[in-house]
Amino acid sequence: MSTAKKSANLSVRADLLEEARAYKITLSQTLEAALQVELKKEKERRWLEENRAAIEAYNRHIERDGLWSDGMRLF
């Protein structure tokens, strides 16, 4: 993973910026953490969208035929 930093110009609500500074919150670290969360959610959403047909087909198969291990359960 690259740890190189790059400058970016952002617009932030003035009241939020002032409050973050008062609490000594590091904006770059906070933004990076928030971006990681949002990117993970977007990647998951896209993966589900791209694989929806296969997931639905698998679920139909399980509903119709059950799991291969259904007859092996001892509990």
C-alpha atoms as a PDB file:
ATOM      1  CA  MET A   1       0.000   0.000   0.000  1.00  0.00           C
ATOM      2  CA  SER A   2       1.366   3.397  -0.922  1.00  0.00           C
ATOM      3  CA  THR A   3       1.819   5.845   1.918  1.00  0.00           C
ATOM      4  CA  ALA A   4       2.711   8.770  -0.325  1.00  0.00           C
ATOM      5  CA  LYS A   5       0.699  11.863   0.443  1.00  0.00           C
ATOM      6  CA  LYS A   6      -0.766  14.278  -2.050  1.00  0.00           C
ATOM      7  CA  SER A   7      -2.189  17.713  -1.373  1.00  0.00           C
ATOM      8  CA  ALA A   8      -5.845  18.341  -2.087  1.00  0.00           C
ATOM      9  CA  ASN A   9      -7.941  21.483  -1.898  1.00  0.00           C
ATOM     10  CA  LEU A  10     -11.183  20.958  -0.025  1.00  0.00           C
ATOM     11  CA  SER A  11     -14.119  23.053   1.008  1.00  0.00           C
ATOM     12  CA  VAL A  12     -15.355  22.411   4.535  1.00  0.00           C
ATOM     13  CA  ARG A  13     -18.107  24.083   6.507  1.00  0.00           C
ATOM     14  CA  ALA A  14     -16.487  26.814   8.591  1.00  0.00           C
ATOM     15  CA  ASP A  15     -18.175  25.762  11.843  1.00  0.00           C
ATOM     16  CA  LEU A  16     -16.976  22.180  11.463  1.00  0.00           C
ATOM     17  CA  LEU A  17     -13.449  23.302  10.668  1.00  0.00           C
ATOM     18  CA  GLU A  18     -13.312  25.584  13.693  1.00  0.00           C
ATOM     19  CA  GLU A  19     -14.652  22.899  16.012  1.00  0.00           C
ATOM     20  CA  ALA A  20     -12.246  20.282  14.666  1.00  0.00           C
ATOM     21  CA  ARG A  21      -9.343  22.655  15.226  1.00  0.00           C
ATOM     22  CA  ALA A  22     -10.559  23.401  18.762  1.00  0.00           C
ATOM     23  CA  TYR A  23     -10.524  19.663  19.507  1.00  0.00           C
ATOM     24  CA  LYS A  24      -7.163  19.254  17.740  1.00  0.00           C
ATOM     25  CA  ILE A  25      -8.597  16.772  15.254  1.00  0.00           C
ATOM     26  CA  THR A  26      -6.209  16.043  12.406  1.00  0.00           C
ATOM     27  CA  LEU A  27      -8.184  16.676   9.234  1.00  0.00           C
ATOM     28  CA  SER A  28      -6.036  14.581   6.922  1.00  0.00           C
ATOM     29  CA  GLN A  29      -6.200  11.506   9.180  1.00  0.00           C
ATOM     30  CA  THR A  30      -9.937  11.928   9.647  1.00  0.00           C
ATOM     31  CA  LEU A  31     -10.514  12.285   5.914  1.00  0.00           C
ATOM     32  CA  GLU A  32      -8.356   9.260   5.132  1.00  0.00           C
ATOM     33  CA  ALA A  33     -10.271   7.117   7.640  1.00  0.00           C
ATOM     34  CA  ALA A  34     -13.633   8.307   6.299  1.00  0.00           C
ATOM     35  CA  LEU A  35     -12.527   7.677   2.704  1.00  0.00           C
ATOM     36  CA  GLN A  36     -11.445   4.140   3.576  1.00  0.00           C
ATOM     37  CA  VAL A  37     -14.881   3.436   5.054  1.00  0.00           C
ATOM     38  CA  GLU A  38     -16.715   4.916   2.065  1.00  0.00           C
ATOM     39  CA  LEU A  39     -14.498   3.128  -0.463  1.00  0.00           C
ATOM     40  CA  LYS A  40     -15.066  -0.209   1.294  1.00  0.00           C
ATOM     41  CA  LYS A  41     -18.842   0.318   1.220  1.00  0.00           C
ATOM     42  CA  GLU A  42     -18.773   1.288  -2.470  1.00  0.00           C
ATOM     43  CA  LYS A  43     -16.622  -1.723  -3.403  1.00  0.00           C
ATOM     44  CA  GLU A  44     -19.001  -4.036  -1.524  1.00  0.00           C
ATOM     45  CA  ARG A  45     -22.026  -2.449  -3.213  1.00  0.00           C
ATOM     46  CA  ARG A  46     -20.466  -2.844  -6.657  1.00  0.00           C
ATOM     47  CA  TRP A  47     -19.402  -6.443  -5.958  1.00  0.00           C
ATOM     48  CA  LEU A  48     -22.954  -7.343  -4.927  1.00  0.00           C
ATOM     49  CA  GLU A  49     -24.338  -5.612  -8.004  1.00  0.00           C
ATOM     50  CA  GLU A  50     -21.875  -7.364 -10.325  1.00  0.00           C
ATOM     51  CA  ASN A  51     -22.559 -10.754  -8.744  1.00  0.00           C
ATOM     52  CA  ARG A  52     -26.299 -10.410  -8.121  1.00  0.00           C
ATOM     53  CA  ALA A  53     -27.298 -12.844 -10.877  1.00  0.00           C
ATOM     54  CA  ALA A  54     -24.937 -15.554  -9.613  1.00  0.00           C
ATOM     55  CA  ILE A  55     -26.041 -15.057  -6.006  1.00  0.00           C
ATOM     56  CA  GLU A  56     -29.698 -15.287  -6.981  1.00  0.00           C
ATOM     57  CA  ALA A  57     -29.048 -18.416  -9.070  1.00  0.00           C
ATOM     58  CA  TYR A  58     -27.209 -20.038  -6.169  1.00  0.00           C
ATOM     59  CA  ASN A  59     -30.018 -19.181  -3.748  1.00  0.00           C
ATOM     60  CA  ARG A  60     -32.601 -20.685  -6.133  1.00  0.00           C
ATOM     61  CA  HIS A  61     -30.480 -23.837  -6.392  1.00  0.00           C
ATOM     62  CA  ILE A  62     -30.262 -24.164  -2.594  1.00  0.00           C
ATOM     63  CA  GLU A  63     -34.009 -23.579  -2.208  1.00  0.00           C
ATOM     64  CA  ARG A  64     -34.740 -26.243  -4.831  1.00  0.00           C
ATOM     65  CA  ASP A  65     -32.112 -28.878  -3.972  1.00  0.00           C
ATOM     66  CA  GLY A  66     -30.921 -28.001  -0.464  1.00  0.00           C
ATOM     67  CA  LEU A  67     -27.327 -28.168   0.691  1.00  0.00           C
ATOM     68  CA  TRP A  68     -25.161 -31.115  -0.333  1.00  0.00           C
ATOM     69  CA  SER A  69     -24.483 -31.812   3.338  1.00  0.00           C
ATOM     70  CA  ASP A  70     -28.141 -31.884   4.478  1.00  0.00           C
ATOM     71  CA  GLY A  71     -28.187 -35.687   4.751  1.00  0.00           C
ATOM     72  CA  MET A  72     -24.946 -35.793   6.699  1.00  0.00           C
ATOM     73  CA  ARG A  73     -25.982 -33.729   9.692  1.00  0.00           C
ATOM     74  CA  LEU A  74     -25.956 -35.592  12.978  1.00  0.00           C
ATOM     75  CA  PHE A  75     -27.671 -32.865  15.015  1.00  0.00           C
END
